[in-house]
Amino acid sequence: MPNPIKLIKTRRFSDPRGWFRENFVENRWADQLEADLHFVQDNQSYSARPGTLRGIHFQLPPHAQAKLVWCLRGSIYDVAVDLRSGSPTYGHYVSAELSAENGMQQFIPVGFGHGFVTLEPDTEVAYKVSDYYAPECEAGLRWDCPELGIDWPLPSSGPLLSSKDEALPGLAGFSSPFPYDGNPLVAIGD
């Protein structure tokens, strides 16, 4: 069975001036993602400090979003959490280190929560989404939810969080509107 989360290695073309990379080519990415979707919005975040944690975020139907995430500068520990009702891997997560240097991207389909923590100062992250931002559908889970058990690589000072992320609920009591498609989550690379 195909893994719903995809890790994509982008190609970098270097010469004496520096390098060039294609971050998104619709027809090639559609083949790699094994998905028929259209991205409608590009987002970018900047985090000054290592340990800046954003997430776990997602949008509920009818404006649920798939995401394609990569790092423009610095590096992040990027996490996707299975939130599909009836999935044998419900509440499980996979993670990957995405950096400007390694050029890796993580595709996160609808039905998964997303979060990341910055590993370096002055980190910039970009991501494409498959539906427009809809504040009435905005949702999330606590970064330190014990049911998720995410092992975040944090500095000794702990995470830097927004007040919104500090107030997010845990997984207990979450009633998922996302259907399970028959593809359980497996470790990236399996």
C-alpha atoms as a PDB file:
ATOM      1  CA  MET A   1       0.000   0.000   0.000  1.00  0.00           C
ATOM      2  CA  PRO A   2       1.287   3.476  -0.753  1.00  0.00           C
ATOM      3  CA  ASN A   3       2.348   5.667   2.138  1.00  0.00           C
ATOM      4  CA  PRO A   4       0.050   8.714   2.385  1.00  0.00           C
ATOM      5  CA  ILE A   5       2.990  10.904   3.466  1.00  0.00           C
ATOM      6  CA  LYS A   6       5.606  11.455   0.769  1.00  0.00           C
ATOM      7  CA  LEU A   7       9.148  12.731   1.178  1.00  0.00           C
ATOM      8  CA  ILE A   8      10.422  14.317  -2.024  1.00  0.00           C
ATOM      9  CA  LYS A   9      14.056  14.999  -2.865  1.00  0.00           C
ATOM     10  CA  THR A  10      14.310  18.040  -5.131  1.00  0.00           C
ATOM     11  CA  ARG A  11      17.067  18.380  -7.713  1.00  0.00           C
ATOM     12  CA  ARG A  12      19.718  21.043  -7.265  1.00  0.00           C
ATOM     13  CA  PHE A  13      21.750  22.332 -10.190  1.00  0.00           C
ATOM     14  CA  SER A  14      25.022  23.958  -9.094  1.00  0.00           C
ATOM     15  CA  ASP A  15      27.606  26.022 -10.937  1.00  0.00           C
ATOM     16  CA  PRO A  16      30.223  28.629  -9.933  1.00  0.00           C
ATOM     17  CA  ARG A  17      27.460  31.219  -9.315  1.00  0.00           C
ATOM     18  CA  GLY A  18      25.640  29.090  -6.751  1.00  0.00           C
ATOM     19  CA  TRP A  19      22.687  26.788  -7.394  1.00  0.00           C
ATOM     20  CA  PHE A  20      19.170  26.523  -8.829  1.00  0.00           C
ATOM     21  CA  ARG A  21      16.377  24.238  -7.619  1.00  0.00           C
ATOM     22  CA  GLU A  22      12.876  23.524  -8.896  1.00  0.00           C
ATOM     23  CA  ASN A  23      10.618  23.655  -5.849  1.00  0.00           C
ATOM     24  CA  PHE A  24       7.455  22.674  -7.683  1.00  0.00           C
ATOM     25  CA  VAL A  25       6.688  21.308 -11.149  1.00  0.00           C
ATOM     26  CA  GLU A  26       3.014  20.368 -11.218  1.00  0.00           C
ATOM     27  CA  ASN A  27       3.104  17.395 -13.596  1.00  0.00           C
ATOM     28  CA  ARG A  28       6.182  15.786 -11.964  1.00  0.00           C
ATOM     29  CA  TRP A  29       4.911  16.331  -8.423  1.00  0.00           C
ATOM     30  CA  ALA A  30       1.467  14.914  -9.290  1.00  0.00           C
ATOM     31  CA  ASP A  31       3.174  11.678 -10.389  1.00  0.00           C
ATOM     32  CA  GLN A  32       5.355  11.533  -7.261  1.00  0.00           C
ATOM     33  CA  LEU A  33       2.483  12.356  -4.920  1.00  0.00           C
ATOM     34  CA  GLU A  34       0.128   9.881  -6.609  1.00  0.00           C
ATOM     35  CA  ALA A  35      -2.541  12.499  -6.063  1.00  0.00           C
ATOM     36  CA  ASP A  36      -4.814  14.548  -8.253  1.00  0.00           C
ATOM     37  CA  LEU A  37      -4.825  17.892  -6.491  1.00  0.00           C
ATOM     38  CA  HIS A  38      -4.324  21.512  -7.244  1.00  0.00           C
ATOM     39  CA  PHE A  39      -2.477  23.891  -4.942  1.00  0.00           C
ATOM     40  CA  VAL A  40      -4.222  27.262  -4.595  1.00  0.00           C
ATOM     41  CA  GLN A  41      -2.148  29.199  -2.070  1.00  0.00           C
ATOM     42  CA  ASP A  42       1.528  29.579  -1.116  1.00  0.00           C
ATOM     43  CA  ASN A  43       2.469  30.417   2.488  1.00  0.00           C
ATOM     44  CA  GLN A  44       5.765  31.341   4.098  1.00  0.00           C
ATOM     45  CA  SER A  45       6.835  31.666   7.723  1.00  0.00           C
ATOM     46  CA  TYR A  46       9.920  33.148   9.351  1.00  0.00           C
ATOM     47  CA  SER A  47      11.142  32.130  12.801  1.00  0.00           C
ATOM     48  CA  ALA A  48      13.989  34.030  14.436  1.00  0.00           C
ATOM     49  CA  ARG A  49      14.796  31.501  17.179  1.00  0.00           C
ATOM     50  CA  PRO A  50      15.550  27.780  17.244  1.00  0.00           C
ATOM     51  CA  GLY A  51      12.808  25.964  19.129  1.00  0.00           C
ATOM     52  CA  THR A  52       9.984  27.965  17.542  1.00  0.00           C
ATOM     53  CA  LEU A  53       7.174  25.430  17.352  1.00  0.00           C
ATOM     54  CA  ARG A  54       4.178  25.837  15.048  1.00  0.00           C
ATOM     55  CA  GLY A  55       1.378  23.292  15.187  1.00  0.00           C
ATOM     56  CA  ILE A  56      -0.190  20.827  15.192  1.00  0.00           C
ATOM     57  CA  HIS A  57      -2.462  22.561  12.628  1.00  0.00           C
ATOM     58  CA  PHE A  58      -5.073  21.477  10.073  1.00  0.00           C
ATOM     59  CA  GLN A  59      -8.285  22.720   8.467  1.00  0.00           C
ATOM     60  CA  LEU A  60     -11.570  20.881   8.771  1.00  0.00           C
ATOM     61  CA  PRO A  61     -13.889  20.086   5.847  1.00  0.00           C
ATOM     62  CA  PRO A  62     -15.203  21.617   3.680  1.00  0.00           C
ATOM     63  CA  HIS A  63     -11.873  23.482   3.480  1.00  0.00           C
ATOM     64  CA  ALA A  64      -9.451  20.712   4.475  1.00  0.00           C
ATOM     65  CA  GLN A  65      -5.962  21.210   3.078  1.00  0.00           C
ATOM     66  CA  ALA A  66      -3.190  19.032   1.713  1.00  0.00           C
ATOM     67  CA  LYS A  67       0.255  20.639   2.134  1.00  0.00           C
ATOM     68  CA  LEU A  68       3.613  20.491   0.411  1.00  0.00           C
ATOM     69  CA  VAL A  69       6.237  21.794   2.864  1.00  0.00           C
ATOM     70  CA  TRP A  70       9.907  22.745   2.450  1.00  0.00           C
ATOM     71  CA  CYS A  71      12.550  24.881   4.107  1.00  0.00           C
ATOM     72  CA  LEU A  72      13.941  27.954   2.343  1.00  0.00           C
ATOM     73  CA  ARG A  73      16.525  28.843   4.984  1.00  0.00           C
ATOM     74  CA  GLY A  74      17.697  26.983   8.067  1.00  0.00           C
ATOM     75  CA  SER A  75      16.142  23.649   9.065  1.00  0.00           C
ATOM     76  CA  ILE A  76      13.071  22.177  10.728  1.00  0.00           C
ATOM     77  CA  TYR A  77      11.841  18.962  12.297  1.00  0.00           C
ATOM     78  CA  ASP A  78       8.593  18.483  10.357  1.00  0.00           C
ATOM     79  CA  VAL A  79       5.758  16.294  11.678  1.00  0.00           C
ATOM     80  CA  ALA A  80       2.591  14.815  10.144  1.00  0.00           C
ATOM     81  CA  VAL A  81      -0.040  13.209  12.428  1.00  0.00           C
ATOM     82  CA  ASP A  82      -2.649  10.729  11.167  1.00  0.00           C
ATOM     83  CA  LEU A  83      -6.134  12.054  12.060  1.00  0.00           C
ATOM     84  CA  ARG A  84      -8.211   9.811   9.766  1.00  0.00           C
ATOM     85  CA  SER A  85     -11.124   8.184  11.575  1.00  0.00           C
ATOM     86  CA  GLY A  86     -10.819   4.397  11.582  1.00  0.00           C
ATOM     87  CA  SER A  87      -7.160   4.391  10.555  1.00  0.00           C
ATOM     88  CA  PRO A  88      -5.086   1.718  12.305  1.00  0.00           C
ATOM     89  CA  THR A  89      -2.401   4.424  12.642  1.00  0.00           C
ATOM     90  CA  TYR A  90      -4.751   7.102  14.035  1.00  0.00           C
ATOM     91  CA  GLY A  91      -2.748   9.415  16.313  1.00  0.00           C
ATOM     92  CA  HIS A  92       0.592   8.122  14.995  1.00  0.00           C
ATOM     93  CA  TYR A  93       3.086  10.482  13.411  1.00  0.00           C
ATOM     94  CA  VAL A  94       6.024  10.544  11.024  1.00  0.00           C
ATOM     95  CA  SER A  95       8.742  13.149  10.922  1.00  0.00           C
ATOM     96  CA  ALA A  96      11.537  14.345   8.681  1.00  0.00           C
ATOM     97  CA  GLU A  97      14.250  16.948   8.846  1.00  0.00           C
ATOM     98  CA  LEU A  98      13.733  19.485   6.085  1.00  0.00           C
ATOM     99  CA  SER A  99      16.464  22.014   5.405  1.00  0.00           C
ATOM    100  CA  ALA A 100      17.547  24.530   2.804  1.00  0.00           C
ATOM    101  CA  GLU A 101      20.647  22.405   2.388  1.00  0.00           C
ATOM    102  CA  ASN A 102      19.013  18.983   1.860  1.00  0.00           C
ATOM    103  CA  GLY A 103      16.168  20.315  -0.327  1.00  0.00           C
ATOM    104  CA  MET A 104      13.702  17.727   1.005  1.00  0.00           C
ATOM    105  CA  GLN A 105       9.955  18.362   0.868  1.00  0.00           C
ATOM    106  CA  GLN A 106       7.180  16.634   2.787  1.00  0.00           C
ATOM    107  CA  PHE A 107       3.732  16.105   1.274  1.00  0.00           C
ATOM    108  CA  ILE A 108       0.961  15.955   3.870  1.00  0.00           C
ATOM    109  CA  PRO A 109      -2.470  14.957   2.513  1.00  0.00           C
ATOM    110  CA  VAL A 110      -5.887  15.916   3.840  1.00  0.00           C
ATOM    111  CA  GLY A 111      -6.608  14.063   7.069  1.00  0.00           C
ATOM    112  CA  PHE A 112      -3.266  14.771   8.708  1.00  0.00           C
ATOM    113  CA  GLY A 113      -2.224  17.397  11.219  1.00  0.00           C
ATOM    114  CA  HIS A 114       1.007  19.287  10.579  1.00  0.00           C
ATOM    115  CA  GLY A 115       3.578  20.954  12.787  1.00  0.00           C
ATOM    116  CA  PHE A 116       7.250  21.794  12.902  1.00  0.00           C
ATOM    117  CA  VAL A 117       9.945  23.102  15.199  1.00  0.00           C
ATOM    118  CA  THR A 118      12.864  25.191  13.969  1.00  0.00           C
ATOM    119  CA  LEU A 119      16.349  23.760  14.483  1.00  0.00           C
ATOM    120  CA  GLU A 120      18.335  26.871  13.530  1.00  0.00           C
ATOM    121  CA  PRO A 121      18.010  30.635  13.915  1.00  0.00           C
ATOM    122  CA  ASP A 122      16.439  32.659  11.093  1.00  0.00           C
ATOM    123  CA  THR A 123      14.545  29.750   9.563  1.00  0.00           C
ATOM    124  CA  GLU A 124      12.094  30.265   6.698  1.00  0.00           C
ATOM    125  CA  VAL A 125       9.515  27.663   5.684  1.00  0.00           C
ATOM    126  CA  ALA A 126       7.326  27.627   2.589  1.00  0.00           C
ATOM    127  CA  TYR A 127       4.322  25.483   1.869  1.00  0.00           C
ATOM    128  CA  LYS A 128       1.650  25.094  -0.740  1.00  0.00           C
ATOM    129  CA  VAL A 129      -1.924  24.269   0.275  1.00  0.00           C
ATOM    130  CA  SER A 130      -4.773  22.740  -1.695  1.00  0.00           C
ATOM    131  CA  ASP A 131      -7.562  24.938  -0.295  1.00  0.00           C
ATOM    132  CA  TYR A 132      -7.761  28.548   0.778  1.00  0.00           C
ATOM    133  CA  TYR A 133      -7.326  29.635   4.372  1.00  0.00           C
ATOM    134  CA  ALA A 134     -10.723  29.464   6.076  1.00  0.00           C
ATOM    135  CA  PRO A 135     -10.595  30.730   9.676  1.00  0.00           C
ATOM    136  CA  GLU A 136     -13.934  29.076  10.506  1.00  0.00           C
ATOM    137  CA  CYS A 137     -12.365  25.683   9.665  1.00  0.00           C
ATOM    138  CA  GLU A 138      -9.068  26.251  11.472  1.00  0.00           C
ATOM    139  CA  ALA A 139      -8.226  23.545  14.027  1.00  0.00           C
ATOM    140  CA  GLY A 140      -5.296  22.033  15.845  1.00  0.00           C
ATOM    141  CA  LEU A 141      -3.938  19.826  18.585  1.00  0.00           C
ATOM    142  CA  ARG A 142      -1.475  20.502  21.383  1.00  0.00           C
ATOM    143  CA  TRP A 143       2.158  20.025  20.467  1.00  0.00           C
ATOM    144  CA  ASP A 144       2.755  18.109  23.729  1.00  0.00           C
ATOM    145  CA  CYS A 145      -0.396  15.964  23.642  1.00  0.00           C
ATOM    146  CA  PRO A 146       0.477  12.743  25.528  1.00  0.00           C
ATOM    147  CA  GLU A 147      -1.651  10.622  23.161  1.00  0.00           C
ATOM    148  CA  LEU A 148       0.556  11.736  20.251  1.00  0.00           C
ATOM    149  CA  GLY A 149       3.858  11.403  22.117  1.00  0.00           C
ATOM    150  CA  ILE A 150       5.863  13.450  19.627  1.00  0.00           C
ATOM    151  CA  ASP A 151       9.555  13.492  20.505  1.00  0.00           C
ATOM    152  CA  TRP A 152      10.339  17.091  19.536  1.00  0.00           C
ATOM    153  CA  PRO A 153      14.044  18.051  19.385  1.00  0.00           C
ATOM    154  CA  LEU A 154      13.775  21.129  21.599  1.00  0.00           C
ATOM    155  CA  PRO A 155      16.380  23.418  23.131  1.00  0.00           C
ATOM    156  CA  SER A 156      16.778  23.251  26.927  1.00  0.00           C
ATOM    157  CA  SER A 157      14.679  26.434  27.199  1.00  0.00           C
ATOM    158  CA  GLY A 158      11.703  24.586  25.673  1.00  0.00           C
ATOM    159  CA  PRO A 159       9.538  25.644  22.722  1.00  0.00           C
ATOM    160  CA  LEU A 160       8.556  29.159  21.707  1.00  0.00           C
ATOM    161  CA  LEU A 161       4.780  29.000  21.078  1.00  0.00           C
ATOM    162  CA  SER A 162       2.044  31.371  20.015  1.00  0.00           C
ATOM    163  CA  SER A 163      -0.740  31.972  22.535  1.00  0.00           C
ATOM    164  CA  LYS A 164      -3.079  30.265  20.051  1.00  0.00           C
ATOM    165  CA  ASP A 165      -0.946  27.100  19.983  1.00  0.00           C
ATOM    166  CA  GLU A 166      -0.660  27.083  23.794  1.00  0.00           C
ATOM    167  CA  ALA A 167      -4.472  26.889  24.013  1.00  0.00           C
ATOM    168  CA  LEU A 168      -4.999  23.992  21.567  1.00  0.00           C
ATOM    169  CA  PRO A 169      -6.725  20.843  22.902  1.00  0.00           C
ATOM    170  CA  GLY A 170      -5.329  17.307  23.015  1.00  0.00           C
ATOM    171  CA  LEU A 171      -6.382  14.340  20.884  1.00  0.00           C
ATOM    172  CA  ALA A 172      -8.734  12.946  23.544  1.00  0.00           C
ATOM    173  CA  GLY A 173     -12.222  14.097  22.658  1.00  0.00           C
ATOM    174  CA  PHE A 174     -11.344  15.023  19.070  1.00  0.00           C
ATOM    175  CA  SER A 175     -13.991  13.654  16.719  1.00  0.00           C
ATOM    176  CA  SER A 176     -12.314  13.297  13.353  1.00  0.00           C
ATOM    177  CA  PRO A 177     -14.232  14.301  10.223  1.00  0.00           C
ATOM    178  CA  PHE A 178     -11.510  12.770   8.027  1.00  0.00           C
ATOM    179  CA  PRO A 179     -12.282   9.339   6.506  1.00  0.00           C
ATOM    180  CA  TYR A 180      -9.702   6.573   6.367  1.00  0.00           C
ATOM    181  CA  ASP A 181      -8.744   5.712   2.771  1.00  0.00           C
ATOM    182  CA  GLY A 182      -7.246   2.260   3.400  1.00  0.00           C
ATOM    183  CA  ASN A 183      -3.610   3.416   3.358  1.00  0.00           C
ATOM    184  CA  PRO A 184      -2.084   3.208   6.841  1.00  0.00           C
ATOM    185  CA  LEU A 185       0.735   5.516   7.794  1.00  0.00           C
ATOM    186  CA  VAL A 186       4.163   3.894   7.542  1.00  0.00           C
ATOM    187  CA  ALA A 187       7.593   5.208   8.454  1.00  0.00           C
ATOM    188  CA  ILE A 188       8.985   7.457   5.747  1.00  0.00           C
ATOM    189  CA  GLY A 189      11.254   5.513   3.468  1.00  0.00           C
ATOM    190  CA  ASP A 190       9.460   2.160   4.045  1.00  0.00           C
END
